[in-house]
Amino acid sequence: MFAVTSSGSRPSDEDPALFDRSGLDRVIDLVAREYDVSKVLILHHSRCRASAAKARQVAMYLSHVVLGQSLAEVGRAFHRDRTTVSYACGVIEDLRDDRAFDNELDRFEAMLNEEQSRD
């Protein structure tokens, strides 16, 4: 069943009111803080510099894996196509072969899971 908007029409999948941003905001805050990249750059529509692109890929990966958001939901939140999110998740999975990077992501996941359990 769909909710009806004040205009009397059904909202589309693109309707930001249907998207819970609280988890996404926590992911972006964490990644921005840990990688010392501004939230604006993480959400920017351009590719930006390499450090911002990597931070964005990590944030997209965590949003999909930890928060359980679909690729399409993550794509809408980051103003990207779902195939871009899928590519980012693949890149991050490949980088997890590096033990230090894997430990870092494990730490991020634990922090996000702890925050989720408090909510």
N, C-alpha and C. Protein backbone atom coordinates (compact mmCIF):
# COMPACT_ATOMS: atom_id res chain seq x y z
N MET A 1 0.84 -1.18 0.00
CA MET A 1 0.00 0.00 0.00
C MET A 1 0.88 1.23 0.00
N PHE A 2 0.50 2.23 -0.76
CA PHE A 2 1.27 3.45 -0.86
C PHE A 2 0.65 4.54 0.01
N ALA A 3 1.50 5.37 0.54
CA ALA A 3 1.02 6.55 1.24
C ALA A 3 0.57 7.57 0.21
N VAL A 4 -0.37 8.39 0.57
CA VAL A 4 -0.85 9.41 -0.34
C VAL A 4 -0.30 10.74 0.11
N THR A 5 0.26 11.50 -0.83
CA THR A 5 0.83 12.80 -0.51
C THR A 5 -0.29 13.81 -0.37
N SER A 6 0.05 15.00 0.11
CA SER A 6 -0.95 16.05 0.29
C SER A 6 -1.60 16.45 -1.03
N SER A 7 -0.91 16.22 -2.14
CA SER A 7 -1.49 16.55 -3.44
C SER A 7 -2.46 15.47 -3.91
N GLY A 8 -2.54 14.35 -3.17
CA GLY A 8 -3.45 13.29 -3.51
C GLY A 8 -2.85 12.23 -4.41
N SER A 9 -1.59 12.37 -4.79
CA SER A 9 -0.95 11.39 -5.66
C SER A 9 -0.04 10.49 -4.85
N ARG A 10 0.27 9.35 -5.44
CA ARG A 10 1.20 8.44 -4.78
C ARG A 10 2.62 8.96 -4.98
N PRO A 11 3.45 8.90 -3.93
CA PRO A 11 4.83 9.35 -4.09
C PRO A 11 5.62 8.37 -4.94
N SER A 12 6.61 8.86 -5.64
CA SER A 12 7.47 8.00 -6.44
C SER A 12 8.59 7.45 -5.57
N ASP A 13 9.34 6.51 -6.14
CA ASP A 13 10.51 5.97 -5.43
C ASP A 13 11.54 7.06 -5.17
N GLU A 14 11.48 8.12 -5.94
CA GLU A 14 12.45 9.20 -5.81
C GLU A 14 12.09 10.15 -4.67
N ASP A 15 10.92 10.00 -4.07
CA ASP A 15 10.45 10.90 -3.03
C ASP A 15 11.37 10.80 -1.82
N PRO A 16 12.11 11.87 -1.50
CA PRO A 16 13.05 11.81 -0.37
C PRO A 16 12.35 11.61 0.97
N ALA A 17 11.05 11.91 1.05
CA ALA A 17 10.34 11.72 2.30
C ALA A 17 10.23 10.23 2.66
N LEU A 18 10.35 9.36 1.65
CA LEU A 18 10.25 7.92 1.91
C LEU A 18 11.58 7.32 2.34
N PHE A 19 12.65 8.08 2.27
CA PHE A 19 13.98 7.56 2.54
C PHE A 19 14.44 7.99 3.92
N ASP A 20 14.73 7.04 4.79
CA ASP A 20 15.21 7.35 6.12
C ASP A 20 16.70 7.67 6.04
N ARG A 21 17.05 8.91 6.24
CA ARG A 21 18.43 9.35 6.09
C ARG A 21 19.23 9.25 7.37
N SER A 22 18.63 8.88 8.49
CA SER A 22 19.37 8.90 9.75
C SER A 22 20.56 7.95 9.73
N GLY A 23 20.37 6.73 9.23
CA GLY A 23 21.48 5.79 9.14
C GLY A 23 22.53 6.26 8.16
N LEU A 24 22.05 6.78 7.03
CA LEU A 24 22.97 7.29 6.01
C LEU A 24 23.79 8.45 6.56
N ASP A 25 23.14 9.33 7.30
CA ASP A 25 23.87 10.47 7.89
C ASP A 25 24.95 9.99 8.86
N ARG A 26 24.65 8.94 9.61
CA ARG A 26 25.67 8.39 10.53
C ARG A 26 26.86 7.82 9.76
N VAL A 27 26.57 7.13 8.66
CA VAL A 27 27.64 6.58 7.83
C VAL A 27 28.50 7.71 7.27
N ILE A 28 27.86 8.72 6.71
CA ILE A 28 28.60 9.84 6.12
C ILE A 28 29.41 10.58 7.17
N ASP A 29 28.82 10.82 8.34
CA ASP A 29 29.56 11.49 9.42
C ASP A 29 30.80 10.69 9.82
N LEU A 30 30.63 9.38 9.97
CA LEU A 30 31.74 8.52 10.36
C LEU A 30 32.85 8.54 9.31
N VAL A 31 32.49 8.34 8.06
CA VAL A 31 33.49 8.28 6.99
C VAL A 31 34.17 9.63 6.82
N ALA A 32 33.40 10.71 6.88
CA ALA A 32 33.99 12.05 6.75
C ALA A 32 35.00 12.31 7.86
N ARG A 33 34.64 11.93 9.08
CA ARG A 33 35.54 12.14 10.22
C ARG A 33 36.80 11.27 10.11
N GLU A 34 36.62 10.00 9.79
CA GLU A 34 37.75 9.07 9.76
C GLU A 34 38.71 9.34 8.60
N TYR A 35 38.19 9.81 7.48
CA TYR A 35 39.03 10.06 6.31
C TYR A 35 39.37 11.54 6.14
N ASP A 36 38.90 12.37 7.06
CA ASP A 36 39.14 13.81 7.02
C ASP A 36 38.77 14.41 5.64
N VAL A 37 37.55 14.05 5.21
CA VAL A 37 36.99 14.55 3.96
C VAL A 37 35.65 15.18 4.31
N SER A 38 35.35 16.33 3.74
CA SER A 38 34.09 16.99 4.07
C SER A 38 32.90 16.19 3.56
N LYS A 39 31.80 16.32 4.29
CA LYS A 39 30.56 15.65 3.88
C LYS A 39 30.11 16.15 2.52
N VAL A 40 30.38 17.41 2.25
CA VAL A 40 29.99 18.00 0.96
C VAL A 40 30.70 17.25 -0.18
N LEU A 41 31.98 16.95 -0.01
CA LEU A 41 32.71 16.23 -1.05
C LEU A 41 32.23 14.79 -1.20
N ILE A 42 31.85 14.17 -0.10
CA ILE A 42 31.36 12.79 -0.17
C ILE A 42 30.07 12.73 -0.98
N LEU A 43 29.24 13.74 -0.83
CA LEU A 43 27.95 13.77 -1.53
C LEU A 43 27.99 14.54 -2.84
N HIS A 44 29.13 15.11 -3.19
CA HIS A 44 29.23 15.94 -4.40
C HIS A 44 28.96 15.11 -5.64
N HIS A 45 28.35 15.74 -6.63
CA HIS A 45 27.98 15.02 -7.85
C HIS A 45 29.18 14.67 -8.73
N SER A 46 30.29 15.39 -8.58
CA SER A 46 31.46 15.07 -9.40
C SER A 46 32.31 14.01 -8.70
N ARG A 47 33.28 13.51 -9.41
CA ARG A 47 34.15 12.48 -8.84
C ARG A 47 35.09 13.04 -7.78
N CYS A 48 35.44 14.31 -7.89
CA CYS A 48 36.34 14.99 -6.96
C CYS A 48 37.72 14.34 -6.95
N ARG A 49 38.48 14.63 -5.91
CA ARG A 49 39.82 14.06 -5.82
C ARG A 49 39.75 12.62 -5.33
N ALA A 50 40.83 11.90 -5.47
CA ALA A 50 40.85 10.46 -5.18
C ALA A 50 40.46 10.14 -3.74
N SER A 51 40.92 10.94 -2.79
CA SER A 51 40.59 10.66 -1.39
C SER A 51 39.09 10.79 -1.13
N ALA A 52 38.45 11.77 -1.78
CA ALA A 52 37.00 11.94 -1.62
C ALA A 52 36.26 10.81 -2.32
N ALA A 53 36.75 10.38 -3.47
CA ALA A 53 36.11 9.28 -4.19
C ALA A 53 36.19 7.99 -3.38
N LYS A 54 37.33 7.73 -2.76
CA LYS A 54 37.47 6.52 -1.95
C LYS A 54 36.55 6.60 -0.72
N ALA A 55 36.49 7.76 -0.09
CA ALA A 55 35.60 7.94 1.06
C ALA A 55 34.15 7.71 0.65
N ARG A 56 33.77 8.22 -0.51
CA ARG A 56 32.41 8.02 -1.02
C ARG A 56 32.13 6.54 -1.26
N GLN A 57 33.11 5.84 -1.84
CA GLN A 57 32.94 4.41 -2.09
C GLN A 57 32.78 3.64 -0.78
N VAL A 58 33.55 4.00 0.22
CA VAL A 58 33.44 3.35 1.53
C VAL A 58 32.06 3.64 2.13
N ALA A 59 31.61 4.87 2.03
CA ALA A 59 30.30 5.24 2.58
C ALA A 59 29.17 4.50 1.85
N MET A 60 29.28 4.37 0.54
CA MET A 60 28.27 3.63 -0.21
C MET A 60 28.28 2.15 0.19
N TYR A 61 29.48 1.60 0.33
CA TYR A 61 29.63 0.19 0.73
C TYR A 61 29.00 -0.04 2.11
N LEU A 62 29.32 0.81 3.07
CA LEU A 62 28.79 0.65 4.42
C LEU A 62 27.27 0.82 4.44
N SER A 63 26.77 1.75 3.64
CA SER A 63 25.32 1.96 3.57
C SER A 63 24.61 0.71 3.05
N HIS A 64 25.23 0.06 2.09
CA HIS A 64 24.64 -1.14 1.52
C HIS A 64 24.81 -2.35 2.45
N VAL A 65 26.01 -2.56 2.94
CA VAL A 65 26.33 -3.76 3.71
C VAL A 65 25.83 -3.68 5.16
N VAL A 66 26.12 -2.59 5.83
CA VAL A 66 25.77 -2.49 7.25
C VAL A 66 24.30 -2.09 7.44
N LEU A 67 23.86 -1.09 6.66
CA LEU A 67 22.49 -0.62 6.82
C LEU A 67 21.49 -1.48 6.06
N GLY A 68 21.99 -2.27 5.13
CA GLY A 68 21.10 -3.14 4.37
C GLY A 68 20.27 -2.42 3.32
N GLN A 69 20.71 -1.24 2.92
CA GLN A 69 19.97 -0.49 1.89
C GLN A 69 20.25 -1.09 0.53
N SER A 70 19.26 -1.06 -0.33
CA SER A 70 19.44 -1.59 -1.68
C SER A 70 20.40 -0.70 -2.46
N LEU A 71 20.94 -1.25 -3.53
CA LEU A 71 21.85 -0.47 -4.37
C LEU A 71 21.14 0.76 -4.92
N ALA A 72 19.88 0.63 -5.28
CA ALA A 72 19.11 1.76 -5.81
C ALA A 72 18.92 2.84 -4.74
N GLU A 73 18.62 2.43 -3.50
CA GLU A 73 18.45 3.40 -2.41
C GLU A 73 19.75 4.15 -2.15
N VAL A 74 20.84 3.42 -2.10
CA VAL A 74 22.15 4.06 -1.88
C VAL A 74 22.46 4.99 -3.03
N GLY A 75 22.19 4.54 -4.24
CA GLY A 75 22.43 5.39 -5.41
C GLY A 75 21.67 6.69 -5.35
N ARG A 76 20.39 6.63 -4.98
CA ARG A 76 19.60 7.86 -4.87
C ARG A 76 20.17 8.78 -3.80
N ALA A 77 20.58 8.21 -2.68
CA ALA A 77 21.11 9.01 -1.58
C ALA A 77 22.40 9.73 -1.95
N PHE A 78 23.21 9.07 -2.78
CA PHE A 78 24.51 9.65 -3.18
C PHE A 78 24.44 10.28 -4.57
N HIS A 79 23.26 10.37 -5.14
CA HIS A 79 23.07 10.95 -6.48
C HIS A 79 23.89 10.22 -7.52
N ARG A 80 23.85 8.90 -7.43
CA ARG A 80 24.57 8.02 -8.35
C ARG A 80 23.62 6.93 -8.85
N ASP A 81 23.98 6.30 -9.93
CA ASP A 81 23.24 5.17 -10.46
C ASP A 81 23.54 3.94 -9.61
N ARG A 82 22.60 3.00 -9.56
CA ARG A 82 22.82 1.78 -8.76
C ARG A 82 24.02 0.99 -9.27
N THR A 83 24.33 1.08 -10.56
CA THR A 83 25.48 0.35 -11.09
C THR A 83 26.78 0.96 -10.57
N THR A 84 26.78 2.26 -10.32
CA THR A 84 27.95 2.92 -9.73
C THR A 84 28.15 2.43 -8.30
N VAL A 85 27.05 2.27 -7.58
CA VAL A 85 27.12 1.76 -6.20
C VAL A 85 27.64 0.32 -6.21
N SER A 86 27.16 -0.47 -7.15
CA SER A 86 27.62 -1.85 -7.27
C SER A 86 29.12 -1.90 -7.55
N TYR A 87 29.59 -1.04 -8.44
CA TYR A 87 31.01 -0.96 -8.75
C TYR A 87 31.80 -0.57 -7.50
N ALA A 88 31.31 0.44 -6.77
CA ALA A 88 31.99 0.90 -5.55
C ALA A 88 32.09 -0.23 -4.53
N CYS A 89 31.01 -0.98 -4.36
CA CYS A 89 31.02 -2.10 -3.41
C CYS A 89 32.04 -3.16 -3.82
N GLY A 90 32.14 -3.41 -5.12
CA GLY A 90 33.13 -4.36 -5.61
C GLY A 90 34.56 -3.89 -5.37
N VAL A 91 34.79 -2.60 -5.59
CA VAL A 91 36.13 -2.04 -5.35
C VAL A 91 36.50 -2.19 -3.89
N ILE A 92 35.57 -1.85 -3.00
CA ILE A 92 35.86 -1.94 -1.56
C ILE A 92 36.06 -3.39 -1.14
N GLU A 93 35.26 -4.30 -1.67
CA GLU A 93 35.46 -5.73 -1.36
C GLU A 93 36.85 -6.17 -1.78
N ASP A 94 37.30 -5.75 -2.95
CA ASP A 94 38.65 -6.10 -3.41
C ASP A 94 39.72 -5.52 -2.50
N LEU A 95 39.51 -4.28 -2.04
CA LEU A 95 40.49 -3.64 -1.16
C LEU A 95 40.56 -4.31 0.21
N ARG A 96 39.51 -5.04 0.56
CA ARG A 96 39.50 -5.72 1.86
C ARG A 96 40.50 -6.87 1.92
N ASP A 97 41.12 -7.21 0.80
CA ASP A 97 42.20 -8.21 0.82
C ASP A 97 43.40 -7.69 1.60
N ASP A 98 43.52 -6.36 1.70
CA ASP A 98 44.56 -5.74 2.51
C ASP A 98 44.12 -5.80 3.98
N ARG A 99 44.89 -6.47 4.80
CA ARG A 99 44.51 -6.70 6.20
C ARG A 99 44.25 -5.40 6.96
N ALA A 100 45.08 -4.39 6.77
CA ALA A 100 44.90 -3.12 7.48
C ALA A 100 43.58 -2.46 7.08
N PHE A 101 43.29 -2.45 5.78
CA PHE A 101 42.04 -1.85 5.30
C PHE A 101 40.84 -2.66 5.81
N ASP A 102 40.96 -3.97 5.80
CA ASP A 102 39.89 -4.82 6.29
C ASP A 102 39.62 -4.55 7.78
N ASN A 103 40.68 -4.41 8.56
CA ASN A 103 40.53 -4.10 9.98
C ASN A 103 39.85 -2.75 10.19
N GLU A 104 40.22 -1.79 9.34
CA GLU A 104 39.61 -0.46 9.42
C GLU A 104 38.10 -0.54 9.15
N LEU A 105 37.71 -1.28 8.11
CA LEU A 105 36.29 -1.42 7.80
C LEU A 105 35.56 -2.22 8.88
N ASP A 106 36.22 -3.23 9.44
CA ASP A 106 35.62 -3.95 10.56
C ASP A 106 35.31 -3.00 11.72
N ARG A 107 36.23 -2.09 11.98
CA ARG A 107 36.04 -1.10 13.06
C ARG A 107 34.87 -0.18 12.74
N PHE A 108 34.79 0.29 11.49
CA PHE A 108 33.66 1.15 11.07
C PHE A 108 32.34 0.40 11.23
N GLU A 109 32.32 -0.85 10.78
CA GLU A 109 31.09 -1.65 10.86
C GLU A 109 30.67 -1.83 12.31
N ALA A 110 31.63 -2.09 13.19
CA ALA A 110 31.32 -2.27 14.62
C ALA A 110 30.77 -0.97 15.21
N MET A 111 31.36 0.15 14.84
CA MET A 111 30.88 1.44 15.34
C MET A 111 29.44 1.70 14.87
N LEU A 112 29.15 1.44 13.63
CA LEU A 112 27.81 1.66 13.10
C LEU A 112 26.80 0.69 13.71
N ASN A 113 27.21 -0.56 13.87
CA ASN A 113 26.30 -1.55 14.49
C ASN A 113 26.00 -1.19 15.93
N GLU A 114 27.01 -0.67 16.64
CA GLU A 114 26.80 -0.24 18.03
C GLU A 114 25.81 0.92 18.07
N GLU A 115 25.95 1.88 17.16
CA GLU A 115 25.03 3.01 17.11
C GLU A 115 23.61 2.55 16.78
N GLN A 116 23.49 1.59 15.86
CA GLN A 116 22.17 1.07 15.49
C GLN A 116 21.50 0.37 16.66
N SER A 117 22.28 -0.34 17.45
CA SER A 117 21.69 -1.08 18.56
C SER A 117 21.21 -0.14 19.66
N ARG A 118 21.78 1.06 19.74
CA ARG A 118 21.34 2.05 20.74
C ARG A 118 20.05 2.73 20.33
N ASP A 119 19.74 2.73 19.03
CA ASP A 119 18.54 3.42 18.55
C ASP A 119 17.27 2.68 18.84
